[in-house]
Protein backbone atom coordinates (compact mmCIF):
# COMPACT_ATOMS: atom_id res chain seq x y z
CA TYR A 1 -42.66 15.61 -49.33
CA PRO A 2 -44.30 16.38 -52.64
CA LEU A 3 -42.62 19.80 -52.65
CA MET A 4 -39.28 18.26 -51.85
CA ARG A 5 -39.68 15.82 -54.68
CA GLN A 6 -40.54 18.57 -57.14
CA LEU A 7 -37.66 20.68 -55.92
CA LEU A 8 -35.19 17.75 -56.36
CA SER A 9 -36.50 16.92 -59.80
CA LEU A 10 -35.98 20.54 -60.91
CA GLY A 11 -32.41 20.49 -59.56
CA ASN A 12 -31.13 18.53 -62.57
CA ARG A 13 -32.65 20.79 -65.26
CA GLN A 14 -31.15 23.89 -66.83
CA GLY A 15 -32.83 27.25 -67.76
CA SER A 16 -33.95 30.43 -66.17
CA ALA A 17 -37.64 29.38 -65.91
CA ASN A 18 -36.51 26.29 -64.05
CA LYS A 19 -34.49 28.39 -61.59
CA ILE A 20 -37.55 30.58 -60.88
CA ASN A 21 -39.65 27.48 -60.23
CA GLN A 22 -36.98 26.14 -57.88
CA GLN A 23 -36.99 29.43 -55.93
CA GLN A 24 -40.80 29.43 -55.67
CA LEU A 25 -40.89 25.78 -54.51
CA PHE A 26 -38.08 26.47 -52.01
CA HIS A 27 -40.00 29.45 -50.68
CA GLU A 28 -43.18 27.39 -50.23
CA LEU A 29 -41.17 24.70 -48.46
CA VAL A 30 -39.64 27.24 -46.01
CA LEU A 31 -43.08 28.68 -45.27
CA LEU A 32 -44.48 25.19 -44.53
CA LEU A 33 -41.55 24.43 -42.23
CA GLN A 34 -42.10 27.75 -40.39
CA GLU A 35 -45.81 26.93 -39.91
CA ASP A 36 -44.92 23.50 -38.53
CA ALA A 37 -42.37 25.03 -36.19
CA ALA A 38 -44.91 27.62 -34.92
CA ALA A 39 -47.51 24.92 -34.35
CA ALA A 40 -44.99 22.80 -32.37
CA ALA A 41 -43.96 25.79 -30.28
CA ALA A 42 -47.58 26.58 -29.50
CA THR A 43 -48.17 23.00 -28.48
CA SER A 44 -45.18 22.88 -26.17
CA ALA A 45 -46.16 26.21 -24.65
CA ASN A 46 -49.46 24.64 -23.60
CA GLN A 47 -47.87 21.69 -21.86
CA PRO A 48 -47.62 23.38 -18.36
CA ARG A 49 -51.28 24.38 -18.62
CA ILE A 50 -52.34 20.87 -19.63
CA ALA A 51 -50.24 19.39 -16.82
CA GLU A 52 -51.85 21.72 -14.28
CA GLU A 53 -55.30 20.93 -15.58
CA ALA A 54 -54.58 17.24 -15.22
CA ALA A 55 -53.21 17.66 -11.71
CA ALA A 56 -56.23 19.71 -10.71
CA PHE A 57 -58.53 17.04 -12.09
CA LEU A 58 -56.67 14.30 -10.20
CA ARG A 59 -56.72 16.32 -6.91
CA GLU A 60 -60.45 16.96 -7.31
CA HIS A 61 -61.32 13.33 -8.01
CA PHE A 62 -58.64 11.53 -5.98
CA ARG A 63 -61.22 9.61 -3.95
CA GLU A 64 -62.64 8.02 -7.12
CA ARG A 65 -61.43 5.22 -9.29
CA LEU A 66 -59.37 6.87 -11.96
CA ASP A 67 -57.56 5.69 -15.09
CA TYR A 68 -55.95 7.25 -18.13
CA ARG A 69 -59.13 6.88 -20.23
CA ARG A 70 -61.19 8.95 -17.77
CA LEU A 71 -58.47 11.61 -17.52
CA SER A 72 -58.19 11.73 -21.30
CA GLU A 73 -61.98 12.13 -21.71
CA ALA A 74 -62.01 14.93 -19.10
CA LEU A 75 -59.15 16.92 -20.68
CA HIS A 76 -59.79 16.03 -24.36
CA PHE A 77 -56.15 15.05 -24.93
CA HIS A 78 -54.56 11.71 -25.68
CA PRO A 79 -53.44 9.95 -22.50
CA ASN A 80 -49.83 9.68 -23.71
CA TYR A 81 -49.68 13.44 -24.27
CA ILE A 82 -51.10 14.19 -20.82
CA ALA A 83 -48.51 11.81 -19.33
CA ILE A 84 -45.74 13.63 -21.22
CA CYS A 85 -46.96 17.03 -20.03
CA MET A 86 -47.16 15.93 -16.41
CA LYS A 87 -43.78 14.15 -16.54
CA ARG A 88 -42.17 17.40 -17.79
CA ALA A 89 -43.99 19.63 -15.39
CA PHE A 90 -43.99 17.49 -12.21
CA GLY A 91 -41.55 14.73 -12.87
CA ARG A 92 -44.29 12.19 -12.45
CA THR A 93 -46.84 10.36 -14.55
CA PRO A 94 -50.49 11.07 -13.80
CA LEU A 95 -51.00 7.85 -11.85
CA ASP A 96 -47.79 8.39 -9.90
CA TYR A 97 -48.92 11.96 -9.14
CA LEU A 98 -52.28 10.66 -8.00
CA THR A 99 -50.70 8.03 -5.72
CA HIS A 100 -48.46 10.62 -4.09
CA TYR A 101 -51.38 12.97 -3.60
CA ARG A 102 -53.48 10.19 -2.05
CA VAL A 103 -50.68 9.39 0.37
CA GLU A 104 -50.42 13.08 1.33
CA GLN A 105 -54.14 13.15 2.03
CA ALA A 106 -53.83 9.93 4.04
CA LYS A 107 -50.99 11.48 6.10
CA ARG A 108 -53.17 14.43 6.86
CA MET A 109 -56.06 12.18 7.91
CA LEU A 110 -53.80 9.98 10.04
CA ILE A 111 -52.63 12.99 12.01
CA LEU A 112 -55.91 14.89 12.29
CA THR A 113 -58.50 12.13 12.73
CA ASP A 114 -59.14 8.94 14.70
CA GLU A 115 -60.39 7.07 11.66
CA PRO A 116 -59.07 3.53 11.35
CA VAL A 117 -56.30 3.07 8.81
CA GLY A 118 -58.58 0.91 6.60
CA VAL A 119 -61.21 3.64 6.43
CA ILE A 120 -58.57 6.20 5.50
CA ALA A 121 -57.33 3.89 2.76
CA GLU A 122 -60.87 3.74 1.35
CA GLU A 123 -61.48 7.48 1.69
CA THR A 124 -58.29 8.40 -0.07
CA GLY A 125 -59.14 6.26 -3.10
CA PHE A 126 -56.88 3.21 -2.64
CA GLY A 127 -58.55 0.11 -3.99
CA SER A 128 -57.32 -2.21 -1.31
CA PHE A 129 -55.77 -2.01 2.16
CA PRO A 130 -52.57 -3.99 1.28
CA TYR A 131 -51.99 -1.71 -1.74
CA PHE A 132 -52.45 1.33 0.47
CA VAL A 133 -49.97 0.08 3.05
CA ARG A 134 -47.44 -0.75 0.30
CA CYS A 135 -47.78 2.66 -1.40
CA PHE A 136 -47.71 4.50 1.88
CA GLY A 137 -44.59 2.73 3.03
CA LYS A 138 -42.81 3.29 -0.24
CA ILE A 139 -43.61 7.05 -0.23
CA ALA A 140 -43.60 7.94 3.47
CA GLY A 141 -40.88 5.50 4.51
CA CYS A 142 -42.95 3.83 7.22
CA LYS A 143 -46.29 2.10 7.73
CA PRO A 144 -49.43 4.18 8.32
CA THR A 145 -49.78 3.24 11.99
CA ALA A 146 -46.11 4.10 12.71
CA PHE A 147 -46.58 7.42 10.90
CA ARG A 148 -49.69 8.20 13.00
CA MET A 149 -47.94 7.40 16.26
CA ARG A 150 -44.85 9.48 15.27
CA TYR A 151 -46.73 12.62 14.23
CA ARG A 152 -49.91 12.43 16.30
CA ARG A 153 -50.79 15.50 18.38
CA LYS A 154 -51.05 14.74 22.08
């Protein structure tokens, strides 16, 4: 902004020295804009990597109680930026990604183990049984016991 103000103030003055000053200021302004554009491009190029790091962290710690603060501390990025990266890469926010991953793990356990549904809810990181059933039903389209009976190996 200071360069823009200087450039605008020189615009009303006459003289060859003034024109040279205008050209120099304009050149500096263009260089600053190019640097900003390069920094923005480098940041957006990192978004898929950051999204994958966040997803890997969530998959590794899905059994634990997780929140944006913990994810932010682990990745050293602002939670909003991580959410933007994941939304662009996966079409989901970090917590939505985590919920879907937990449901997928629960599906696997329902098919492959004889564990009670409540135990599976705990082992997949859901805080409460009713919340697990609600999330499972929303994502899988049926309740956990119905899913188990439908896909169970005999």
